Amino acid sequence: MDFAKIWQADMEGNGLLPLIKGGSDTQKDPQKGYVIVDMNPLSGEKAGAGSGKNQITVFNEVVIPDGKRYTYDLFRKLKNNYESVSGGRDAVTAAEHEQIHEFLAYAAVSAPLRQARKYAEDHHQIKAGCSKEEWVETLRSIWFQPSADGTSFFEHVFIGEQGSKWGGHQFWYNYHLNEGPNESLQKEDSIVVIKGAEVGRTEKSNLAEVITIKYTLEATKNNGDKQTLSNDIGGLFVGISAEGLLALGTVAYLDGRARIPMELNGAAIDLIMHKTGDREKNPHSFYPQMKTPVHA
C-alpha cells in the first residue's frame, strides 16, 4: 500500500497543512487550514520551563476552516467520553455507541478510508462490494473492540493513557487540545517540571508532516534532591485528520508487519505497529518513526 496516497487524500480533504514556524509558515492559507509547528518551543522568553507558569506550545497556530471542522468536533465528543470517567471505563453507554457510529459512519466514506477499504478488499480482508454498514462494523471491531486489559486501539492511539498527558500523543490534535503535557506533574514523592523541549522533523521536507517531541524533566523529591529525567513521546503525524489517521492505522494493522517502510515527500519513515501480547494479537498502537530526525 502506498501510504503517501492516504496522506495526500487527507490533505485534499480534512487534513491541515503542517508548516514550520520561521520557515514554510509563509504558505499558510486560512481557506485550506494549517498547523504551524514551533521547532524550538522553549526559546527566548519561554526558556527555563518550570519557573513560574510556562506554556509549552509546540503547535504555535492551528487554523481549522469551517468546512473541515465537523470531523474535529466529532473527535472532541469521543475524547470527552474518555475524559469524563476515571479509574477505568465501565460499559459503553447507548449515547456513546451512537457517537462512535456517527464518527465511523462519517469517516468510512472519506477519501483516506476509501483507500483503506480498497486495500482491505484487494487483500481479502473484507468482501468486495460489502455495504457501508459492514465496512463501518469492520472499523469498529478494529478500533473500538476492547482488548483483554479493557482498552481499545482507538484509546491508545487517539486518547492515550488516562491520568497522564504524557502518553498517547499519536494524534496531534489531541496533544493540541491538551495544550501539551502537564507543566508540573505531582508524584507521590516528588514534583516534576519541564526544563526543556526538543522537536525533531524529517530532513528532506520543508513541512512538518512527522515530528518527534522529547522533554527534559527535573524531579525534585520531598527531601530536596533533584534528578534530571527525559521523556520521549515518539513520532506523530501533524495536520492529519482523525479519518486520515484511522486510515493509516487500519492499513498498518491489516498489513501484518511490525515495521512498515513508507516514504512521505521524499522522507523515509517507518510505521511501527504494536499488537497485544495475548493470543488474539489485537491492534494496540502505531506511530511513525523517522530515520534521523532534524532538530532546530
Protein backbone atom coordinates (compact mmCIF):
# COMPACT_ATOMS: atom_id res chain seq x y z
CA MET A 1 0.00 0.00 0.00
CA ASP A 2 1.26 3.46 -0.85
CA PHE A 3 0.64 5.18 2.49
CA ALA A 4 1.60 8.52 0.93
CA LYS A 5 -1.60 8.30 -1.15
CA ILE A 6 -3.64 8.14 2.05
CA TRP A 7 -1.77 11.17 3.37
CA GLN A 8 -2.35 13.11 0.16
CA ALA A 9 -6.03 12.18 0.09
CA ASP A 10 -6.33 13.52 3.62
CA MET A 11 -4.51 16.76 2.79
CA GLU A 12 -7.01 17.25 -0.05
CA GLY A 13 -9.81 16.53 2.42
CA ASN A 14 -9.93 17.48 6.09
CA GLY A 15 -6.20 17.45 6.80
CA LEU A 16 -4.37 20.68 7.67
CA LEU A 17 -1.07 21.71 6.06
CA PRO A 18 1.77 21.19 8.60
CA LEU A 19 4.03 24.25 8.42
CA ILE A 20 7.22 25.22 10.26
CA LYS A 21 7.47 28.46 12.22
CA GLY A 22 10.02 30.77 10.66
CA GLY A 23 10.20 28.64 7.52
CA SER A 24 7.30 27.30 5.49
CA ASP A 25 4.73 29.26 7.53
CA THR A 26 4.65 31.75 4.66
CA GLN A 27 2.46 29.15 2.88
CA LYS A 28 -0.40 29.41 5.37
CA ASP A 29 -3.84 29.52 3.78
CA PRO A 30 -6.83 30.02 6.12
CA GLN A 31 -9.19 28.66 3.45
CA LYS A 32 -7.44 25.27 3.48
CA GLY A 33 -6.36 25.26 7.11
CA TYR A 34 -2.92 24.77 8.60
CA VAL A 35 -0.85 23.92 11.68
CA ILE A 36 2.35 25.83 12.48
CA VAL A 37 4.96 23.80 14.39
CA ASP A 38 7.41 25.62 16.66
CA MET A 39 10.64 23.65 16.32
CA ASN A 40 12.12 25.45 19.34
CA PRO A 41 9.20 25.96 21.75
CA LEU A 42 11.35 26.92 24.73
CA SER A 43 13.44 29.62 23.08
CA GLY A 44 13.62 33.27 24.09
CA GLU A 45 11.25 34.36 26.83
CA LYS A 46 9.96 30.80 27.25
CA ALA A 47 13.38 29.37 28.15
CA GLY A 48 13.78 27.79 31.57
CA ALA A 49 10.47 26.00 31.92
CA GLY A 50 9.45 25.05 35.40
CA SER A 51 9.96 28.54 36.84
CA GLY A 52 6.50 30.05 37.01
CA LYS A 53 3.62 29.35 34.63
CA ASN A 54 5.23 28.48 31.29
CA GLN A 55 3.07 27.09 28.49
CA ILE A 56 4.78 24.53 26.27
CA THR A 57 3.26 25.21 22.86
CA VAL A 58 4.62 23.06 20.04
CA PHE A 59 1.67 23.81 17.76
CA ASN A 60 2.12 27.55 17.54
CA GLU A 61 -1.02 28.22 15.49
CA VAL A 62 -3.88 25.98 14.39
CA VAL A 63 -6.47 27.18 11.87
CA ILE A 64 -9.38 24.86 11.00
CA PRO A 65 -11.73 26.27 8.35
CA ASP A 66 -15.46 25.82 8.89
CA GLY A 67 -15.70 23.33 6.04
CA LYS A 68 -13.31 20.95 7.83
CA ARG A 69 -14.40 21.48 11.41
CA TYR A 70 -17.05 18.74 11.61
CA THR A 71 -14.60 15.83 11.87
CA TYR A 72 -12.61 17.60 14.59
CA ASP A 73 -15.83 18.21 16.54
CA LEU A 74 -16.72 14.51 16.25
CA PHE A 75 -13.36 13.59 17.74
CA ARG A 76 -13.82 16.03 20.61
CA LYS A 77 -17.08 14.30 21.52
CA LEU A 78 -15.30 10.95 21.72
CA LYS A 79 -12.42 12.47 23.67
CA ASN A 80 -14.85 13.92 26.22
CA ASN A 81 -16.32 10.45 26.80
CA TYR A 82 -12.94 9.06 27.81
CA GLU A 83 -12.09 12.04 29.99
CA SER A 84 -15.44 12.00 31.80
CA VAL A 85 -14.55 8.77 33.61
CA SER A 86 -11.74 7.91 35.98
CA GLY A 87 -10.42 4.66 37.40
CA GLY A 88 -11.22 2.65 34.29
CA ARG A 89 -14.12 2.56 31.86
CA ASP A 90 -17.45 0.92 32.53
CA ALA A 91 -19.70 -0.44 29.79
CA VAL A 92 -20.14 1.92 26.86
CA THR A 93 -23.46 3.77 27.08
CA ALA A 94 -26.04 3.88 24.30
CA ALA A 95 -25.21 7.55 23.71
CA GLU A 96 -21.51 6.72 23.37
CA HIS A 97 -22.31 3.89 20.95
CA GLU A 98 -24.22 6.41 18.86
CA GLN A 99 -21.30 8.85 18.89
CA ILE A 100 -18.89 6.11 17.84
CA HIS A 101 -21.22 5.15 15.00
CA GLU A 102 -21.59 8.79 13.94
CA PHE A 103 -17.80 9.17 13.84
CA LEU A 104 -17.20 5.93 11.93
CA ALA A 105 -20.09 6.47 9.50
CA TYR A 106 -18.64 9.86 8.58
CA ALA A 107 -15.06 8.59 8.37
CA ALA A 108 -15.87 5.38 6.47
CA VAL A 109 -16.77 7.20 3.24
CA SER A 110 -13.93 9.75 3.41
CA ALA A 111 -11.20 9.66 0.75
CA PRO A 112 -8.50 8.25 3.09
CA LEU A 113 -10.71 5.40 4.27
CA ARG A 114 -11.88 4.65 0.74
CA GLN A 115 -8.21 3.94 0.03
CA ALA A 116 -8.03 1.75 3.13
CA ARG A 117 -11.20 -0.08 2.09
CA LYS A 118 -9.76 -0.82 -1.35
CA TYR A 119 -6.65 -2.25 0.31
CA ALA A 120 -8.83 -4.44 2.55
CA GLU A 121 -10.85 -5.67 -0.44
CA ASP A 122 -7.77 -6.32 -2.59
CA HIS A 123 -6.18 -8.35 0.21
CA HIS A 124 -9.40 -10.24 1.00
CA GLN A 125 -9.74 -8.75 4.49
CA ILE A 126 -13.32 -7.81 3.65
CA LYS A 127 -15.53 -8.99 0.81
CA ALA A 128 -15.57 -6.80 -2.29
CA GLY A 129 -18.70 -4.71 -2.60
CA CYS A 130 -19.71 -5.04 1.05
CA SER A 131 -22.17 -2.49 2.38
CA LYS A 132 -21.19 0.70 4.14
CA GLU A 133 -22.50 -0.70 7.42
CA GLU A 134 -20.32 -3.81 7.04
CA TRP A 135 -17.29 -1.59 6.48
CA VAL A 136 -18.24 0.53 9.50
CA GLU A 137 -18.54 -2.63 11.58
CA THR A 138 -15.08 -3.75 10.42
CA LEU A 139 -13.65 -0.41 11.52
CA ARG A 140 -15.49 -0.66 14.82
CA SER A 141 -14.04 -4.12 15.52
CA ILE A 142 -10.51 -2.93 14.73
CA TRP A 143 -10.61 0.36 16.61
CA PHE A 144 -13.18 0.11 19.41
CA GLN A 145 -13.21 -3.57 20.43
CA PRO A 146 -11.64 -3.73 23.92
CA SER A 147 -8.62 -5.97 24.43
CA ALA A 148 -8.06 -8.13 27.49
CA ASP A 149 -6.96 -5.09 29.51
CA GLY A 150 -10.19 -3.27 28.69
CA THR A 151 -8.61 -0.68 26.39
CA SER A 152 -9.05 -0.28 22.64
CA PHE A 153 -6.81 0.57 19.68
CA PHE A 154 -8.62 3.92 19.41
CA GLU A 155 -7.94 4.72 23.04
CA HIS A 156 -4.21 4.03 22.79
CA VAL A 157 -3.68 5.91 19.51
CA PHE A 158 -6.11 8.82 19.84
CA ILE A 159 -6.60 9.36 23.58
CA GLY A 160 -3.62 7.93 25.45
CA GLU A 161 -3.01 6.82 28.99
CA GLN A 162 -5.66 8.11 31.34
CA GLY A 163 -4.40 10.15 34.25
CA SER A 164 -1.34 11.28 32.29
CA LYS A 165 -0.85 13.73 29.45
CA TRP A 166 2.45 12.08 28.58
CA GLY A 167 1.02 9.04 26.85
CA GLY A 168 -0.93 8.62 23.65
CA HIS A 169 0.11 11.56 21.55
CA GLN A 170 -0.05 9.72 18.25
CA PHE A 171 -2.84 12.13 17.31
CA TRP A 172 -1.50 15.66 17.09
CA TYR A 173 -4.93 17.22 17.62
CA ASN A 174 -5.33 15.50 20.98
CA TYR A 175 -1.95 16.91 22.00
CA HIS A 176 -3.10 20.35 20.83
CA LEU A 177 -6.33 20.14 22.82
CA ASN A 178 -4.34 19.12 25.89
CA GLU A 179 -2.04 22.11 25.30
CA GLY A 180 0.90 19.75 25.51
CA PRO A 181 1.81 17.79 28.64
CA ASN A 182 1.35 19.00 32.18
CA GLU A 183 3.95 21.59 33.12
CA SER A 184 4.08 20.34 36.71
CA LEU A 185 3.41 16.68 37.48
CA GLN A 186 2.83 15.81 41.13
CA LYS A 187 4.11 12.36 42.02
CA GLU A 188 3.95 10.57 45.34
CA ASP A 189 7.44 11.62 46.44
CA SER A 190 8.38 14.45 44.07
CA ILE A 191 7.31 17.27 41.77
CA VAL A 192 8.34 17.04 38.12
CA VAL A 193 8.72 20.14 35.95
CA ILE A 194 9.71 20.59 32.31
CA LYS A 195 13.16 22.10 31.82
CA GLY A 196 13.50 21.68 28.07
CA ALA A 197 11.71 20.53 24.92
CA GLU A 198 13.26 19.26 21.69
CA VAL A 199 11.27 18.90 18.47
CA GLY A 200 12.57 16.89 15.52
CA ARG A 201 11.33 16.64 11.93
CA THR A 202 12.25 14.94 8.67
CA GLU A 203 15.28 16.28 6.83
CA LYS A 204 14.11 16.36 3.21
CA SER A 205 10.81 18.21 3.52
CA ASN A 206 10.19 21.86 4.32
CA LEU A 207 6.97 20.82 6.03
CA ALA A 208 6.41 19.17 9.41
CA GLU A 209 4.48 16.09 8.27
CA VAL A 210 6.07 13.98 11.02
CA ILE A 211 7.70 15.26 14.19
CA THR A 212 9.16 13.87 17.40
CA ILE A 213 8.96 15.61 20.78
CA LYS A 214 11.35 14.94 23.64
CA TYR A 215 11.14 16.63 27.02
CA THR A 216 13.87 17.14 29.61
CA LEU A 217 12.38 17.00 33.09
CA GLU A 218 13.59 17.83 36.57
CA ALA A 219 12.23 15.85 39.50
CA THR A 220 12.53 17.41 42.96
CA LYS A 221 11.95 14.96 45.79
CA ASN A 222 10.40 15.96 49.09
CA ASN A 223 13.86 15.96 50.69
CA GLY A 224 15.11 18.47 48.10
CA ASP A 225 17.15 16.05 45.98
CA LYS A 226 16.91 16.74 42.24
CA GLN A 227 17.11 14.33 39.32
CA THR A 228 17.16 15.03 35.57
CA LEU A 229 14.85 12.83 33.52
CA SER A 230 13.77 12.65 29.90
CA ASN A 231 10.51 11.67 28.24
CA ASP A 232 10.25 10.95 24.53
CA ILE A 233 6.67 10.81 23.30
CA GLY A 234 7.85 9.47 19.94
CA GLY A 235 6.63 10.37 16.48
CA LEU A 236 3.32 11.71 15.30
CA PHE A 237 1.78 12.82 12.02
CA VAL A 238 0.98 16.54 12.10
CA GLY A 239 -2.07 18.05 10.43
CA ILE A 240 -3.68 14.70 9.69
CA SER A 241 -7.42 14.44 10.36
CA ALA A 242 -8.96 11.75 12.55
CA GLU A 243 -10.13 9.81 9.48
CA GLY A 244 -6.68 10.11 7.92
CA LEU A 245 -5.01 8.61 10.99
CA LEU A 246 -7.76 5.99 11.15
CA ALA A 247 -6.99 5.00 7.54
CA LEU A 248 -3.23 4.76 8.12
CA GLY A 249 -3.71 2.69 11.28
CA THR A 250 -6.24 0.39 9.63
CA VAL A 251 -3.94 -0.46 6.73
CA ALA A 252 -0.92 -0.78 9.05
CA TYR A 253 -2.84 -3.34 11.13
CA LEU A 254 -4.13 -5.28 8.13
CA ASP A 255 -0.63 -5.29 6.60
CA GLY A 256 0.54 -7.53 9.43
CA ARG A 257 4.14 -6.34 9.72
CA ALA A 258 5.57 -4.78 12.88
CA ARG A 259 7.69 -2.29 10.91
CA ILE A 260 6.39 -0.97 7.60
CA PRO A 261 8.56 1.30 5.42
CA MET A 262 6.91 4.27 3.75
CA GLU A 263 8.03 7.44 2.00
CA LEU A 264 6.41 10.82 2.52
CA ASN A 265 7.50 13.79 0.41
CA GLY A 266 10.93 12.24 -0.10
CA ALA A 267 11.49 11.30 3.55
CA ALA A 268 11.91 7.66 4.58
CA ILE A 269 9.67 6.77 7.51
CA ASP A 270 8.79 3.50 9.23
CA LEU A 271 5.32 2.81 10.58
CA ILE A 272 5.70 0.91 13.85
CA MET A 273 2.75 -1.36 14.62
CA HIS A 274 2.26 -2.93 18.06
CA LYS A 275 -0.23 -5.69 18.77
CA THR A 276 -1.39 -7.15 22.07
CA GLY A 277 0.79 -9.88 23.54
CA ASP A 278 -2.07 -12.32 24.02
CA ARG A 279 -3.32 -14.98 21.65
CA GLU A 280 -5.72 -12.55 19.97
CA LYS A 281 -2.94 -10.25 18.66
CA ASN A 282 -5.30 -7.30 18.57
CA PRO A 283 -4.05 -3.89 17.41
CA HIS A 284 -2.58 -1.93 20.31
CA SER A 285 -0.83 1.18 18.96
CA PHE A 286 1.07 2.53 15.97
CA TYR A 287 3.20 5.56 15.17
CA PRO A 288 5.66 6.92 12.58
CA GLN A 289 9.39 6.64 13.21
CA MET A 290 11.92 8.79 11.36
CA LYS A 291 15.33 7.51 10.34
CA THR A 292 17.24 10.59 11.56
CA PRO A 293 15.19 13.48 12.99
CA VAL A 294 16.49 17.01 12.36
CA HIS A 295 16.27 19.45 15.26
CA ALA A 296 16.20 23.25 15.39
